[in-house]
Amino acid sequence: MFLDLTAAYDTIWRTGLLLKLSWALPSSATKTIGTLLSNRWFRVHLGQSKSKWTRQTNGLPQGSVLAPTLFNLYTNYLPETTSWKFIYADDICLETQASDLNILDKTLNEDVPKL
């Protein structure tokens, strides 16, 4: 089963990401990444209209060379599943084997909500 995470980079919980990074990186590196992710603002342009500036509290910067690596580090700690997980950027493939189609269906239906 293939899953494509919609707006995956936009939904990263930054506090959780920094916590996970702190487990593996020196505090100076974690603080630097935290600084890069903080104090980000955006607004939407639609035709001649522009929205108010809004603070971005979650997510990763679009187009950043660091965003894919940070996303992979964040998703490296996905919950355990019965199925095998193959992950590339924001795409996830679940693979499982069984001699019965009902068992395959049951396994995948139990694993998808965990992600």
N, C-alpha and C. Protein backbone atom coordinates (compact mmCIF):
# COMPACT_ATOMS: atom_id res chain seq x y z
N MET A 1 0.85 -1.15 0.00
CA MET A 1 0.00 0.00 0.00
C MET A 1 0.90 1.23 0.00
N PHE A 2 0.58 2.19 -0.87
CA PHE A 2 1.35 3.43 -0.95
C PHE A 2 0.57 4.58 -0.33
N LEU A 3 1.25 5.37 0.48
CA LEU A 3 0.65 6.54 1.12
C LEU A 3 1.43 7.77 0.72
N ASP A 4 0.72 8.81 0.34
CA ASP A 4 1.36 10.10 0.06
C ASP A 4 0.85 11.07 1.10
N LEU A 5 1.74 11.55 1.94
CA LEU A 5 1.34 12.44 3.02
C LEU A 5 1.08 13.84 2.49
N THR A 6 -0.17 14.26 2.53
CA THR A 6 -0.56 15.58 2.03
C THR A 6 0.01 16.68 2.92
N ALA A 7 0.64 17.65 2.30
CA ALA A 7 1.22 18.80 3.02
C ALA A 7 2.13 18.34 4.15
N ALA A 8 2.89 17.29 3.89
CA ALA A 8 3.72 16.68 4.94
C ALA A 8 4.69 17.67 5.57
N TYR A 9 5.37 18.45 4.76
CA TYR A 9 6.35 19.39 5.32
C TYR A 9 5.67 20.49 6.12
N ASP A 10 4.43 20.82 5.77
CA ASP A 10 3.70 21.90 6.45
C ASP A 10 3.18 21.49 7.82
N THR A 11 3.11 20.20 8.09
CA THR A 11 2.47 19.73 9.32
C THR A 11 3.46 19.22 10.37
N ILE A 12 4.74 19.33 10.10
CA ILE A 12 5.73 18.86 11.07
C ILE A 12 5.61 19.66 12.37
N TRP A 13 5.50 18.95 13.47
CA TRP A 13 5.45 19.58 14.79
C TRP A 13 6.88 19.94 15.17
N ARG A 14 7.19 21.21 15.16
CA ARG A 14 8.57 21.67 15.37
C ARG A 14 9.13 21.29 16.73
N THR A 15 8.32 21.40 17.76
CA THR A 15 8.80 21.04 19.10
C THR A 15 9.20 19.58 19.14
N GLY A 16 8.39 18.71 18.53
CA GLY A 16 8.71 17.29 18.47
C GLY A 16 9.96 17.03 17.65
N LEU A 17 10.11 17.75 16.54
CA LEU A 17 11.30 17.61 15.71
C LEU A 17 12.55 17.98 16.50
N LEU A 18 12.51 19.11 17.19
CA LEU A 18 13.68 19.54 17.96
C LEU A 18 13.99 18.57 19.10
N LEU A 19 12.96 18.00 19.69
CA LEU A 19 13.18 16.99 20.73
C LEU A 19 13.90 15.77 20.15
N LYS A 20 13.43 15.29 19.00
CA LYS A 20 14.07 14.14 18.36
C LYS A 20 15.51 14.45 17.96
N LEU A 21 15.74 15.66 17.46
CA LEU A 21 17.10 16.05 17.09
C LEU A 21 18.01 16.12 18.30
N SER A 22 17.45 16.53 19.44
CA SER A 22 18.28 16.64 20.66
C SER A 22 18.78 15.29 21.15
N TRP A 23 18.11 14.22 20.75
CA TRP A 23 18.56 12.88 21.14
C TRP A 23 19.84 12.48 20.41
N ALA A 24 20.08 13.07 19.23
CA ALA A 24 21.20 12.62 18.41
C ALA A 24 22.23 13.71 18.12
N LEU A 25 21.88 14.97 18.30
CA LEU A 25 22.79 16.05 17.94
C LEU A 25 23.24 16.83 19.17
N PRO A 26 24.38 17.50 19.07
CA PRO A 26 24.80 18.38 20.16
C PRO A 26 23.77 19.51 20.34
N SER A 27 23.67 20.03 21.54
CA SER A 27 22.67 21.07 21.82
C SER A 27 22.89 22.30 20.94
N SER A 28 24.14 22.60 20.60
CA SER A 28 24.39 23.77 19.74
C SER A 28 23.77 23.59 18.35
N ALA A 29 23.82 22.38 17.81
CA ALA A 29 23.22 22.11 16.50
C ALA A 29 21.70 22.19 16.58
N THR A 30 21.14 21.62 17.64
CA THR A 30 19.69 21.67 17.82
C THR A 30 19.21 23.11 17.96
N LYS A 31 19.94 23.92 18.72
CA LYS A 31 19.57 25.33 18.90
C LYS A 31 19.66 26.08 17.58
N THR A 32 20.69 25.80 16.78
CA THR A 32 20.83 26.47 15.49
C THR A 32 19.66 26.13 14.57
N ILE A 33 19.30 24.86 14.51
CA ILE A 33 18.16 24.46 13.68
C ILE A 33 16.87 25.08 14.21
N GLY A 34 16.72 25.12 15.53
CA GLY A 34 15.55 25.76 16.13
C GLY A 34 15.46 27.23 15.74
N THR A 35 16.59 27.91 15.71
CA THR A 35 16.62 29.32 15.31
C THR A 35 16.22 29.47 13.84
N LEU A 36 16.71 28.57 12.99
CA LEU A 36 16.35 28.63 11.57
C LEU A 36 14.85 28.44 11.35
N LEU A 37 14.22 27.64 12.21
CA LEU A 37 12.80 27.34 12.04
C LEU A 37 11.89 28.35 12.73
N SER A 38 12.44 29.17 13.61
CA SER A 38 11.60 30.08 14.38
C SER A 38 11.43 31.43 13.68
N ASN A 39 10.47 32.18 14.18
CA ASN A 39 10.20 33.54 13.70
C ASN A 39 9.97 33.59 12.19
N ARG A 40 9.19 32.65 11.68
CA ARG A 40 8.85 32.62 10.26
C ARG A 40 7.41 33.12 10.09
N TRP A 41 7.21 33.94 9.06
CA TRP A 41 5.92 34.54 8.80
C TRP A 41 5.53 34.30 7.34
N PHE A 42 4.23 34.30 7.06
CA PHE A 42 3.77 34.14 5.69
C PHE A 42 2.48 34.91 5.48
N ARG A 43 2.16 35.13 4.21
CA ARG A 43 0.84 35.64 3.84
C ARG A 43 0.51 35.08 2.47
N VAL A 44 -0.77 35.07 2.17
CA VAL A 44 -1.26 34.48 0.93
C VAL A 44 -1.65 35.59 -0.04
N HIS A 45 -1.21 35.46 -1.29
CA HIS A 45 -1.59 36.38 -2.36
C HIS A 45 -2.58 35.64 -3.25
N LEU A 46 -3.73 36.22 -3.48
CA LEU A 46 -4.74 35.64 -4.37
C LEU A 46 -5.25 36.76 -5.26
N GLY A 47 -4.80 36.77 -6.50
CA GLY A 47 -5.14 37.87 -7.39
C GLY A 47 -4.55 39.16 -6.86
N GLN A 48 -5.40 40.15 -6.67
CA GLN A 48 -4.96 41.44 -6.13
C GLN A 48 -5.02 41.48 -4.60
N SER A 49 -5.59 40.45 -3.99
CA SER A 49 -5.77 40.42 -2.53
C SER A 49 -4.58 39.78 -1.84
N LYS A 50 -4.32 40.27 -0.63
CA LYS A 50 -3.26 39.71 0.21
C LYS A 50 -3.81 39.53 1.62
N SER A 51 -3.48 38.40 2.22
CA SER A 51 -3.92 38.16 3.59
C SER A 51 -3.02 38.91 4.57
N LYS A 52 -3.42 38.89 5.84
CA LYS A 52 -2.56 39.45 6.89
C LYS A 52 -1.34 38.54 7.06
N TRP A 53 -0.26 39.10 7.55
CA TRP A 53 0.91 38.29 7.89
C TRP A 53 0.54 37.39 9.06
N THR A 54 0.93 36.12 8.97
CA THR A 54 0.62 35.14 10.01
C THR A 54 1.90 34.41 10.39
N ARG A 55 2.07 34.20 11.68
CA ARG A 55 3.26 33.48 12.16
C ARG A 55 3.10 31.99 11.85
N GLN A 56 4.14 31.38 11.31
CA GLN A 56 4.14 29.95 11.02
C GLN A 56 4.74 29.23 12.22
N THR A 57 3.92 28.43 12.90
CA THR A 57 4.37 27.78 14.13
C THR A 57 4.75 26.32 13.93
N ASN A 58 4.34 25.73 12.82
CA ASN A 58 4.70 24.35 12.51
C ASN A 58 5.18 24.27 11.08
N GLY A 59 5.75 23.15 10.73
CA GLY A 59 6.18 22.94 9.36
C GLY A 59 7.64 23.29 9.13
N LEU A 60 8.07 22.96 7.93
CA LEU A 60 9.44 23.21 7.50
C LEU A 60 9.42 24.19 6.34
N PRO A 61 10.47 24.99 6.17
CA PRO A 61 10.51 25.96 5.08
C PRO A 61 10.46 25.27 3.71
N GLN A 62 9.52 25.69 2.88
CA GLN A 62 9.41 25.13 1.53
C GLN A 62 10.62 25.51 0.70
N GLY A 63 11.19 24.56 -0.01
CA GLY A 63 12.33 24.83 -0.87
C GLY A 63 13.67 24.83 -0.16
N SER A 64 13.66 24.68 1.15
CA SER A 64 14.91 24.66 1.90
C SER A 64 15.67 23.37 1.62
N VAL A 65 16.98 23.46 1.46
CA VAL A 65 17.77 22.25 1.23
C VAL A 65 17.80 21.37 2.48
N LEU A 66 17.54 21.96 3.64
CA LEU A 66 17.55 21.22 4.89
C LEU A 66 16.22 20.50 5.17
N ALA A 67 15.12 20.97 4.57
CA ALA A 67 13.79 20.44 4.87
C ALA A 67 13.67 18.92 4.63
N PRO A 68 14.12 18.37 3.49
CA PRO A 68 13.98 16.92 3.31
C PRO A 68 14.72 16.10 4.36
N THR A 69 15.91 16.56 4.73
CA THR A 69 16.68 15.84 5.76
C THR A 69 15.98 15.91 7.10
N LEU A 70 15.49 17.08 7.48
CA LEU A 70 14.76 17.22 8.74
C LEU A 70 13.49 16.38 8.73
N PHE A 71 12.80 16.34 7.60
CA PHE A 71 11.59 15.52 7.49
C PHE A 71 11.92 14.05 7.68
N ASN A 72 13.00 13.59 7.04
CA ASN A 72 13.40 12.18 7.18
C ASN A 72 13.79 11.85 8.62
N LEU A 73 14.48 12.76 9.29
CA LEU A 73 14.83 12.52 10.69
C LEU A 73 13.58 12.47 11.56
N TYR A 74 12.61 13.32 11.27
CA TYR A 74 11.35 13.35 12.03
C TYR A 74 10.58 12.05 11.84
N THR A 75 10.49 11.57 10.59
CA THR A 75 9.71 10.36 10.32
C THR A 75 10.48 9.08 10.60
N ASN A 76 11.75 9.19 10.91
CA ASN A 76 12.55 8.01 11.25
C ASN A 76 12.01 7.31 12.49
N TYR A 77 11.28 8.04 13.30
CA TYR A 77 10.74 7.50 14.55
C TYR A 77 9.25 7.22 14.45
N LEU A 78 8.81 6.72 13.31
CA LEU A 78 7.39 6.35 13.17
C LEU A 78 7.08 5.16 14.06
N PRO A 79 5.84 5.04 14.50
CA PRO A 79 5.47 3.90 15.36
C PRO A 79 5.71 2.56 14.67
N GLU A 80 5.91 1.54 15.48
CA GLU A 80 6.09 0.18 14.96
C GLU A 80 4.81 -0.30 14.28
N THR A 81 4.99 -1.02 13.20
CA THR A 81 3.86 -1.62 12.48
C THR A 81 4.19 -3.08 12.20
N THR A 82 3.16 -3.86 11.93
CA THR A 82 3.37 -5.25 11.54
C THR A 82 3.96 -5.29 10.13
N SER A 83 3.51 -4.38 9.27
CA SER A 83 3.99 -4.31 7.89
C SER A 83 5.38 -3.70 7.85
N TRP A 84 6.10 -4.00 6.78
CA TRP A 84 7.39 -3.35 6.54
C TRP A 84 7.11 -1.95 6.02
N LYS A 85 7.93 -0.98 6.44
CA LYS A 85 7.78 0.40 5.98
C LYS A 85 8.97 0.76 5.09
N PHE A 86 8.66 1.36 3.95
CA PHE A 86 9.67 1.93 3.07
C PHE A 86 9.31 3.40 2.90
N ILE A 87 10.24 4.29 3.23
CA ILE A 87 9.94 5.71 3.25
C ILE A 87 10.92 6.45 2.34
N TYR A 88 10.38 7.31 1.50
CA TYR A 88 11.19 8.22 0.70
C TYR A 88 10.49 9.58 0.71
N ALA A 89 11.15 10.57 1.28
CA ALA A 89 10.57 11.91 1.44
C ALA A 89 9.21 11.78 2.10
N ASP A 90 8.14 12.25 1.45
CA ASP A 90 6.82 12.19 2.09
C ASP A 90 5.96 11.05 1.55
N ASP A 91 6.59 10.05 0.95
CA ASP A 91 5.88 8.87 0.46
C ASP A 91 6.23 7.67 1.34
N ILE A 92 5.21 6.92 1.70
CA ILE A 92 5.41 5.73 2.54
C ILE A 92 4.78 4.54 1.84
N CYS A 93 5.49 3.44 1.82
CA CYS A 93 4.97 2.19 1.29
C CYS A 93 4.91 1.17 2.42
N LEU A 94 3.75 0.57 2.61
CA LEU A 94 3.61 -0.53 3.57
C LEU A 94 3.54 -1.83 2.79
N GLU A 95 4.32 -2.81 3.22
CA GLU A 95 4.31 -4.11 2.55
C GLU A 95 4.10 -5.18 3.61
N THR A 96 3.23 -6.11 3.28
CA THR A 96 2.99 -7.22 4.19
C THR A 96 2.74 -8.48 3.38
N GLN A 97 2.87 -9.63 4.02
CA GLN A 97 2.64 -10.91 3.36
C GLN A 97 1.68 -11.74 4.20
N ALA A 98 0.82 -12.47 3.51
CA ALA A 98 -0.08 -13.40 4.19
C ALA A 98 -0.64 -14.35 3.15
N SER A 99 -1.08 -15.49 3.62
CA SER A 99 -1.65 -16.49 2.71
C SER A 99 -3.13 -16.25 2.46
N ASP A 100 -3.71 -15.29 3.16
CA ASP A 100 -5.14 -15.03 3.06
C ASP A 100 -5.36 -13.53 2.86
N LEU A 101 -6.22 -13.18 1.91
CA LEU A 101 -6.50 -11.78 1.60
C LEU A 101 -7.10 -11.05 2.80
N ASN A 102 -7.92 -11.72 3.59
CA ASN A 102 -8.53 -11.10 4.77
C ASN A 102 -7.46 -10.71 5.80
N ILE A 103 -6.43 -11.53 5.94
CA ILE A 103 -5.34 -11.21 6.87
C ILE A 103 -4.56 -10.00 6.37
N LEU A 104 -4.30 -9.95 5.05
CA LEU A 104 -3.63 -8.79 4.47
C LEU A 104 -4.42 -7.51 4.75
N ASP A 105 -5.72 -7.59 4.49
CA ASP A 105 -6.60 -6.44 4.70
C ASP A 105 -6.59 -6.00 6.17
N LYS A 106 -6.68 -6.96 7.07
CA LYS A 106 -6.70 -6.67 8.51
C LYS A 106 -5.39 -6.01 8.95
N THR A 107 -4.27 -6.56 8.50
CA THR A 107 -2.96 -6.04 8.88
C THR A 107 -2.78 -4.60 8.41
N LEU A 108 -3.08 -4.34 7.14
CA LEU A 108 -2.91 -2.99 6.61
C LEU A 108 -3.87 -2.01 7.28
N ASN A 109 -5.11 -2.44 7.53
CA ASN A 109 -6.08 -1.56 8.19
C ASN A 109 -5.70 -1.26 9.64
N GLU A 110 -4.94 -2.13 10.27
CA GLU A 110 -4.44 -1.86 11.62
C GLU A 110 -3.21 -0.95 11.59
N ASP A 111 -2.39 -1.09 10.54
CA ASP A 111 -1.13 -0.34 10.48
C ASP A 111 -1.30 1.11 10.01
N VAL A 112 -2.19 1.36 9.07
CA VAL A 112 -2.34 2.72 8.52
C VAL A 112 -2.65 3.76 9.60
N PRO A 113 -3.61 3.51 10.51
CA PRO A 113 -3.89 4.54 11.54
C PRO A 113 -2.71 4.82 12.47
N LYS A 114 -1.78 3.90 12.59
CA LYS A 114 -0.62 4.11 13.46
C LYS A 114 0.30 5.20 12.91
N LEU A 115 0.23 5.38 11.59
CA LEU A 115 1.13 6.34 10.95
C LEU A 115 0.53 7.73 10.99
